[in-house]
Every structure is written in C-alpha cells, then in structure tokens.
C-alpha cells in the first residue's frame, strides 16, 4: 500500500492522473460550489476562465479523512468534498490575517 507521510509523497500523489480525474468528478458532483459555504447558507462558486488570463483558484477538493492517516481512502469519491480556499484553510487551521484580541477591554482616555 502507498504511504503519504512526506511532502514529496503527497505532491507525487496530487500530480497523478487518477487524482485529477477523481478531483474533477468531485467538482462536478458538488456543482463547483463550496460545500461548507452551502451548509452555512452562503454561495461560493468557482471562478470563470477568461481567455488570455490565468484562471484564479477559488475551489479545492478536500479529503475528509486525510491521506496521511487514511491512505486507503485517498481515491474514494465519498471521502472528498469541494471547499473554497477560505473554508479549506479553516479546516486545516491555516487562518491568516485574523484580528488579534485586544489585551484591554476598557476605554482609552
């Protein structure tokens, strides 16, 4: 069985045609919409390719059970869901630029 413990192993997996085909199936199944935003009553859809410009990345396909710990589920469609970049980063605790809590709660004179 293949392992996905190192960054190199994961990168190799995410470049395979099997992953790209399955990723596309997940996007189509989820109607190119972020499933977490949908659960929250919001809508976040994929960007549209403009001729001559680079398409911006709006959506990722997320493994519900990470391949590092569950390698048997790496290519299982039911283990995938479409997420926008923001929701995907939140799932992995990679939130940037959030306001720090103020140290004091009282007014300044």
N, C-alpha and C. Protein backbone atom coordinates (compact mmCIF):
# COMPACT_ATOMS: atom_id res chain seq x y z
N UNK A 1 0.83 -1.18 0.00
CA UNK A 1 0.00 0.00 0.00
C UNK A 1 0.88 1.25 0.00
N UNK A 2 0.44 2.26 -0.71
CA UNK A 2 1.18 3.51 -0.81
C UNK A 2 1.01 4.32 0.47
N UNK A 3 2.09 4.96 0.88
CA UNK A 3 2.04 5.85 2.04
C UNK A 3 2.14 7.29 1.56
N UNK A 4 1.55 8.18 2.33
CA UNK A 4 1.59 9.61 2.02
C UNK A 4 2.02 10.38 3.27
N UNK A 5 3.17 10.03 3.80
CA UNK A 5 3.66 10.65 5.04
C UNK A 5 4.48 11.91 4.78
N UNK A 6 5.29 11.91 3.74
CA UNK A 6 6.16 13.06 3.47
C UNK A 6 5.52 14.00 2.45
N UNK A 7 6.01 15.22 2.42
CA UNK A 7 5.52 16.21 1.44
C UNK A 7 5.76 15.72 0.01
N UNK A 8 6.89 15.09 -0.23
CA UNK A 8 7.22 14.59 -1.57
C UNK A 8 6.22 13.52 -2.01
N UNK A 9 5.86 12.64 -1.10
CA UNK A 9 4.89 11.59 -1.42
C UNK A 9 3.52 12.19 -1.72
N UNK A 10 3.13 13.20 -0.95
CA UNK A 10 1.84 13.86 -1.17
C UNK A 10 1.82 14.61 -2.50
N UNK A 11 2.90 15.33 -2.78
CA UNK A 11 2.98 16.07 -4.05
C UNK A 11 2.89 15.12 -5.24
N UNK A 12 3.58 13.99 -5.13
CA UNK A 12 3.54 13.00 -6.21
C UNK A 12 2.11 12.49 -6.41
N UNK A 13 1.41 12.22 -5.32
CA UNK A 13 0.02 11.76 -5.40
C UNK A 13 -0.87 12.79 -6.09
N UNK A 14 -0.75 14.05 -5.67
CA UNK A 14 -1.62 15.11 -6.20
C UNK A 14 -1.31 15.46 -7.66
N UNK A 15 -0.26 14.90 -8.21
CA UNK A 15 0.06 15.12 -9.64
C UNK A 15 -0.38 13.94 -10.51
N UNK A 16 -0.95 12.90 -9.93
CA UNK A 16 -1.34 11.72 -10.71
C UNK A 16 -2.62 11.98 -11.50
N UNK A 17 -2.76 11.26 -12.60
CA UNK A 17 -3.98 11.39 -13.41
C UNK A 17 -5.18 10.81 -12.67
N UNK A 18 -4.97 9.76 -11.86
CA UNK A 18 -6.07 9.19 -11.08
C UNK A 18 -6.66 10.23 -10.14
N UNK A 19 -5.79 10.99 -9.44
CA UNK A 19 -6.28 12.04 -8.54
C UNK A 19 -6.99 13.13 -9.32
N UNK A 20 -6.42 13.57 -10.43
CA UNK A 20 -7.03 14.65 -11.21
C UNK A 20 -8.40 14.26 -11.76
N UNK A 21 -8.56 13.02 -12.18
CA UNK A 21 -9.87 12.55 -12.66
C UNK A 21 -10.89 12.53 -11.52
N UNK A 22 -10.48 12.01 -10.38
CA UNK A 22 -11.38 11.93 -9.24
C UNK A 22 -11.73 13.32 -8.71
N UNK A 23 -10.74 14.20 -8.70
CA UNK A 23 -10.96 15.59 -8.27
C UNK A 23 -12.02 16.25 -9.15
N UNK A 24 -11.92 16.04 -10.44
CA UNK A 24 -12.89 16.60 -11.38
C UNK A 24 -14.28 16.04 -11.13
N UNK A 25 -14.36 14.74 -10.83
CA UNK A 25 -15.66 14.12 -10.52
C UNK A 25 -16.29 14.76 -9.28
N UNK A 26 -15.47 15.04 -8.27
CA UNK A 26 -15.96 15.67 -7.04
C UNK A 26 -16.48 17.08 -7.33
N UNK A 27 -15.76 17.84 -8.15
CA UNK A 27 -16.19 19.20 -8.51
C UNK A 27 -17.53 19.17 -9.24
N UNK A 28 -17.67 18.25 -10.18
CA UNK A 28 -18.92 18.13 -10.94
C UNK A 28 -20.05 17.71 -10.01
N UNK A 29 -19.81 16.70 -9.17
CA UNK A 29 -20.83 16.23 -8.22
C UNK A 29 -21.30 17.36 -7.31
N UNK A 30 -20.36 18.21 -6.86
CA UNK A 30 -20.68 19.30 -5.94
C UNK A 30 -21.08 20.59 -6.67
N UNK A 31 -21.27 20.49 -7.97
CA UNK A 31 -21.74 21.61 -8.80
C UNK A 31 -20.81 22.83 -8.71
N UNK A 32 -19.50 22.56 -8.55
CA UNK A 32 -18.50 23.62 -8.48
C UNK A 32 -18.85 24.66 -7.41
N UNK A 33 -19.38 24.19 -6.27
CA UNK A 33 -19.74 25.06 -5.16
C UNK A 33 -19.06 24.58 -3.88
N UNK A 34 -18.68 25.53 -3.04
CA UNK A 34 -18.12 25.19 -1.74
C UNK A 34 -19.21 24.58 -0.87
N UNK A 35 -18.98 23.37 -0.41
CA UNK A 35 -19.99 22.66 0.37
C UNK A 35 -20.13 23.22 1.78
N UNK A 36 -19.06 23.75 2.36
CA UNK A 36 -19.15 24.35 3.70
C UNK A 36 -19.93 25.65 3.65
N UNK A 37 -19.65 26.48 2.66
CA UNK A 37 -20.41 27.72 2.49
C UNK A 37 -21.90 27.38 2.30
N UNK A 38 -22.16 26.36 1.53
CA UNK A 38 -23.53 25.93 1.27
C UNK A 38 -24.23 25.53 2.57
N UNK A 39 -23.51 24.80 3.45
CA UNK A 39 -24.09 24.41 4.74
C UNK A 39 -24.40 25.64 5.60
N UNK A 40 -23.63 26.71 5.40
CA UNK A 40 -23.83 27.95 6.17
C UNK A 40 -24.82 28.90 5.49
N UNK A 41 -25.42 28.46 4.40
CA UNK A 41 -26.41 29.28 3.70
C UNK A 41 -25.81 30.31 2.77
N UNK A 42 -24.51 30.17 2.45
CA UNK A 42 -23.84 31.10 1.55
C UNK A 42 -23.58 30.39 0.21
N UNK A 43 -23.16 31.16 -0.77
CA UNK A 43 -22.82 30.59 -2.07
C UNK A 43 -21.42 31.03 -2.44
N UNK A 44 -20.57 30.07 -2.79
CA UNK A 44 -19.23 30.38 -3.29
C UNK A 44 -18.95 29.40 -4.42
N UNK A 45 -18.94 29.93 -5.64
CA UNK A 45 -18.75 29.09 -6.81
C UNK A 45 -17.36 29.33 -7.41
N UNK A 46 -16.99 28.47 -8.33
CA UNK A 46 -15.69 28.55 -8.97
C UNK A 46 -15.60 29.77 -9.87
N UNK A 47 -14.38 30.25 -10.09
CA UNK A 47 -14.16 31.38 -10.98
C UNK A 47 -14.33 30.92 -12.43
N UNK A 48 -14.50 31.88 -13.30
CA UNK A 48 -14.68 31.59 -14.72
C UNK A 48 -13.40 31.94 -15.45
N UNK A 49 -12.97 31.05 -16.34
CA UNK A 49 -11.76 31.26 -17.12
C UNK A 49 -12.00 32.34 -18.16
N UNK A 50 -11.14 33.36 -18.15
CA UNK A 50 -11.19 34.44 -19.13
C UNK A 50 -10.06 34.20 -20.12
N UNK A 51 -10.39 34.24 -21.41
CA UNK A 51 -9.42 33.98 -22.46
C UNK A 51 -8.20 34.89 -22.33
N UNK A 52 -7.03 34.31 -22.32
CA UNK A 52 -5.79 35.07 -22.26
C UNK A 52 -5.32 35.41 -20.86
N UNK A 53 -6.12 35.06 -19.85
CA UNK A 53 -5.75 35.32 -18.46
C UNK A 53 -5.66 34.01 -17.69
N UNK A 54 -4.89 34.05 -16.64
CA UNK A 54 -4.76 32.87 -15.78
C UNK A 54 -6.00 32.76 -14.89
N UNK A 55 -6.57 31.57 -14.81
CA UNK A 55 -7.77 31.35 -14.00
C UNK A 55 -7.39 31.39 -12.52
N UNK A 56 -8.13 32.16 -11.74
CA UNK A 56 -7.84 32.22 -10.31
C UNK A 56 -8.38 30.97 -9.61
N UNK A 57 -7.65 30.50 -8.64
CA UNK A 57 -8.06 29.32 -7.89
C UNK A 57 -9.07 29.75 -6.83
N UNK A 58 -10.26 29.20 -6.89
CA UNK A 58 -11.31 29.52 -5.93
C UNK A 58 -11.68 28.30 -5.09
N UNK A 59 -11.57 27.11 -5.68
CA UNK A 59 -12.03 25.90 -5.02
C UNK A 59 -10.93 24.86 -4.91
N UNK A 60 -10.96 24.12 -3.82
CA UNK A 60 -10.09 22.96 -3.60
C UNK A 60 -10.98 21.75 -3.37
N UNK A 61 -10.43 20.59 -3.63
CA UNK A 61 -11.13 19.35 -3.26
C UNK A 61 -10.42 18.81 -2.03
N UNK A 62 -11.19 18.67 -0.96
CA UNK A 62 -10.67 18.33 0.36
C UNK A 62 -10.94 16.87 0.70
N UNK A 63 -9.92 16.20 1.26
CA UNK A 63 -10.10 14.87 1.80
C UNK A 63 -10.69 14.99 3.21
N UNK A 64 -11.86 14.46 3.44
CA UNK A 64 -12.47 14.49 4.77
C UNK A 64 -11.59 13.73 5.77
N UNK A 65 -11.12 12.58 5.33
CA UNK A 65 -10.16 11.80 6.12
C UNK A 65 -8.83 11.90 5.39
N UNK A 66 -7.86 12.55 6.02
CA UNK A 66 -6.60 12.89 5.38
C UNK A 66 -5.83 11.66 4.88
N UNK A 67 -5.20 11.81 3.73
CA UNK A 67 -4.49 10.68 3.12
C UNK A 67 -3.30 10.23 3.94
N UNK A 68 -2.76 11.12 4.74
CA UNK A 68 -1.62 10.77 5.59
C UNK A 68 -2.01 9.69 6.60
N UNK A 69 -3.23 9.79 7.11
CA UNK A 69 -3.70 8.85 8.13
C UNK A 69 -4.59 7.74 7.58
N UNK A 70 -5.22 8.00 6.44
CA UNK A 70 -6.14 7.03 5.82
C UNK A 70 -5.80 6.85 4.34
N UNK A 71 -4.66 6.26 4.03
CA UNK A 71 -4.24 6.15 2.63
C UNK A 71 -5.20 5.33 1.77
N UNK A 72 -5.95 4.42 2.36
CA UNK A 72 -6.91 3.61 1.59
C UNK A 72 -8.06 4.46 1.05
N UNK A 73 -8.30 5.62 1.66
CA UNK A 73 -9.40 6.49 1.23
C UNK A 73 -8.95 7.61 0.30
N UNK A 74 -7.70 7.57 -0.12
CA UNK A 74 -7.15 8.64 -0.95
C UNK A 74 -7.91 8.81 -2.26
N UNK A 75 -8.36 7.71 -2.84
CA UNK A 75 -9.05 7.77 -4.13
C UNK A 75 -10.50 7.29 -4.02
N UNK A 76 -11.16 7.66 -2.93
CA UNK A 76 -12.58 7.32 -2.71
C UNK A 76 -13.39 8.60 -2.83
N UNK A 77 -14.29 8.64 -3.79
CA UNK A 77 -15.07 9.85 -4.07
C UNK A 77 -15.87 10.32 -2.85
N UNK A 78 -16.41 9.40 -2.07
CA UNK A 78 -17.20 9.79 -0.89
C UNK A 78 -16.35 10.43 0.20
N UNK A 79 -15.04 10.34 0.09
CA UNK A 79 -14.14 10.95 1.07
C UNK A 79 -13.75 12.38 0.65
N UNK A 80 -14.31 12.87 -0.43
CA UNK A 80 -13.94 14.18 -0.96
C UNK A 80 -15.10 15.16 -0.89
N UNK A 81 -14.77 16.43 -0.69
CA UNK A 81 -15.77 17.49 -0.81
C UNK A 81 -15.10 18.75 -1.33
N UNK A 82 -15.87 19.52 -2.07
CA UNK A 82 -15.38 20.76 -2.65
C UNK A 82 -15.48 21.87 -1.62
N UNK A 83 -14.37 22.60 -1.43
CA UNK A 83 -14.34 23.72 -0.49
C UNK A 83 -13.67 24.91 -1.15
N UNK A 84 -14.10 26.12 -0.77
CA UNK A 84 -13.40 27.31 -1.24
C UNK A 84 -12.08 27.40 -0.46
N UNK A 85 -11.18 28.23 -0.92
CA UNK A 85 -9.87 28.34 -0.28
C UNK A 85 -9.99 28.73 1.19
N UNK A 86 -10.89 29.65 1.49
CA UNK A 86 -11.05 30.11 2.86
C UNK A 86 -11.51 28.98 3.78
N UNK A 87 -12.54 28.26 3.38
CA UNK A 87 -13.05 27.14 4.19
C UNK A 87 -12.02 26.02 4.29
N UNK A 88 -11.30 25.76 3.21
CA UNK A 88 -10.28 24.70 3.23
C UNK A 88 -9.18 25.07 4.22
N UNK A 89 -8.75 26.33 4.20
CA UNK A 89 -7.72 26.77 5.15
C UNK A 89 -8.22 26.68 6.59
N UNK A 90 -9.48 27.02 6.82
CA UNK A 90 -10.05 26.91 8.17
C UNK A 90 -10.05 25.46 8.63
N UNK A 91 -10.37 24.53 7.72
CA UNK A 91 -10.40 23.10 8.07
C UNK A 91 -9.04 22.62 8.56
N UNK A 92 -7.98 23.24 8.02
CA UNK A 92 -6.62 22.83 8.35
C UNK A 92 -5.95 23.81 9.32
N UNK A 93 -6.76 24.68 9.95
CA UNK A 93 -6.25 25.67 10.90
C UNK A 93 -5.15 26.55 10.30
N UNK A 94 -5.34 26.94 9.05
CA UNK A 94 -4.39 27.83 8.37
C UNK A 94 -5.07 29.17 8.11
N UNK A 95 -5.48 29.84 9.16
CA UNK A 95 -6.20 31.11 9.02
C UNK A 95 -5.20 32.24 9.18
N UNK A 96 -5.15 33.11 8.18
CA UNK A 96 -4.19 34.21 8.15
C UNK A 96 -4.90 35.54 8.29
N UNK A 97 -4.22 36.50 8.92
CA UNK A 97 -4.71 37.87 8.94
C UNK A 97 -5.90 38.11 9.85
N UNK A 98 -6.18 37.22 10.78
CA UNK A 98 -7.28 37.47 11.69
C UNK A 98 -6.88 38.52 12.72
N UNK A 99 -7.84 39.28 13.17
CA UNK A 99 -7.60 40.30 14.17
C UNK A 99 -7.22 39.63 15.48
N UNK A 100 -6.17 40.14 16.10
CA UNK A 100 -5.81 39.65 17.42
C UNK A 100 -6.76 40.27 18.43
N UNK A 101 -7.06 39.53 19.50
CA UNK A 101 -7.91 40.07 20.55
C UNK A 101 -7.18 41.20 21.26
N UNK A 102 -7.93 42.24 21.57
CA UNK A 102 -7.33 43.34 22.30
C UNK A 102 -7.01 42.88 23.71
N UNK A 103 -5.90 43.37 24.21
CA UNK A 103 -5.47 42.95 25.54
C UNK A 103 -6.36 43.57 26.61
N UNK A 104 -6.77 44.83 26.39
CA UNK A 104 -7.60 45.51 27.37
C UNK A 104 -8.96 45.74 26.76
N UNK A 105 -9.95 45.65 27.62
CA UNK A 105 -11.33 45.78 27.16
C UNK A 105 -11.93 47.15 27.49
N UNK A 106 -11.22 47.95 28.27
CA UNK A 106 -11.77 49.23 28.68
C UNK A 106 -11.39 50.37 27.73
N UNK A 107 -11.98 51.52 27.95
CA UNK A 107 -11.74 52.66 27.06
C UNK A 107 -10.41 53.32 27.36
N UNK A 108 -9.90 53.96 26.32
CA UNK A 108 -8.70 54.78 26.49
C UNK A 108 -9.17 56.21 26.76
N UNK A 109 -8.50 56.97 27.70
CA UNK A 109 -8.91 58.35 27.95
C UNK A 109 -8.22 59.27 27.03
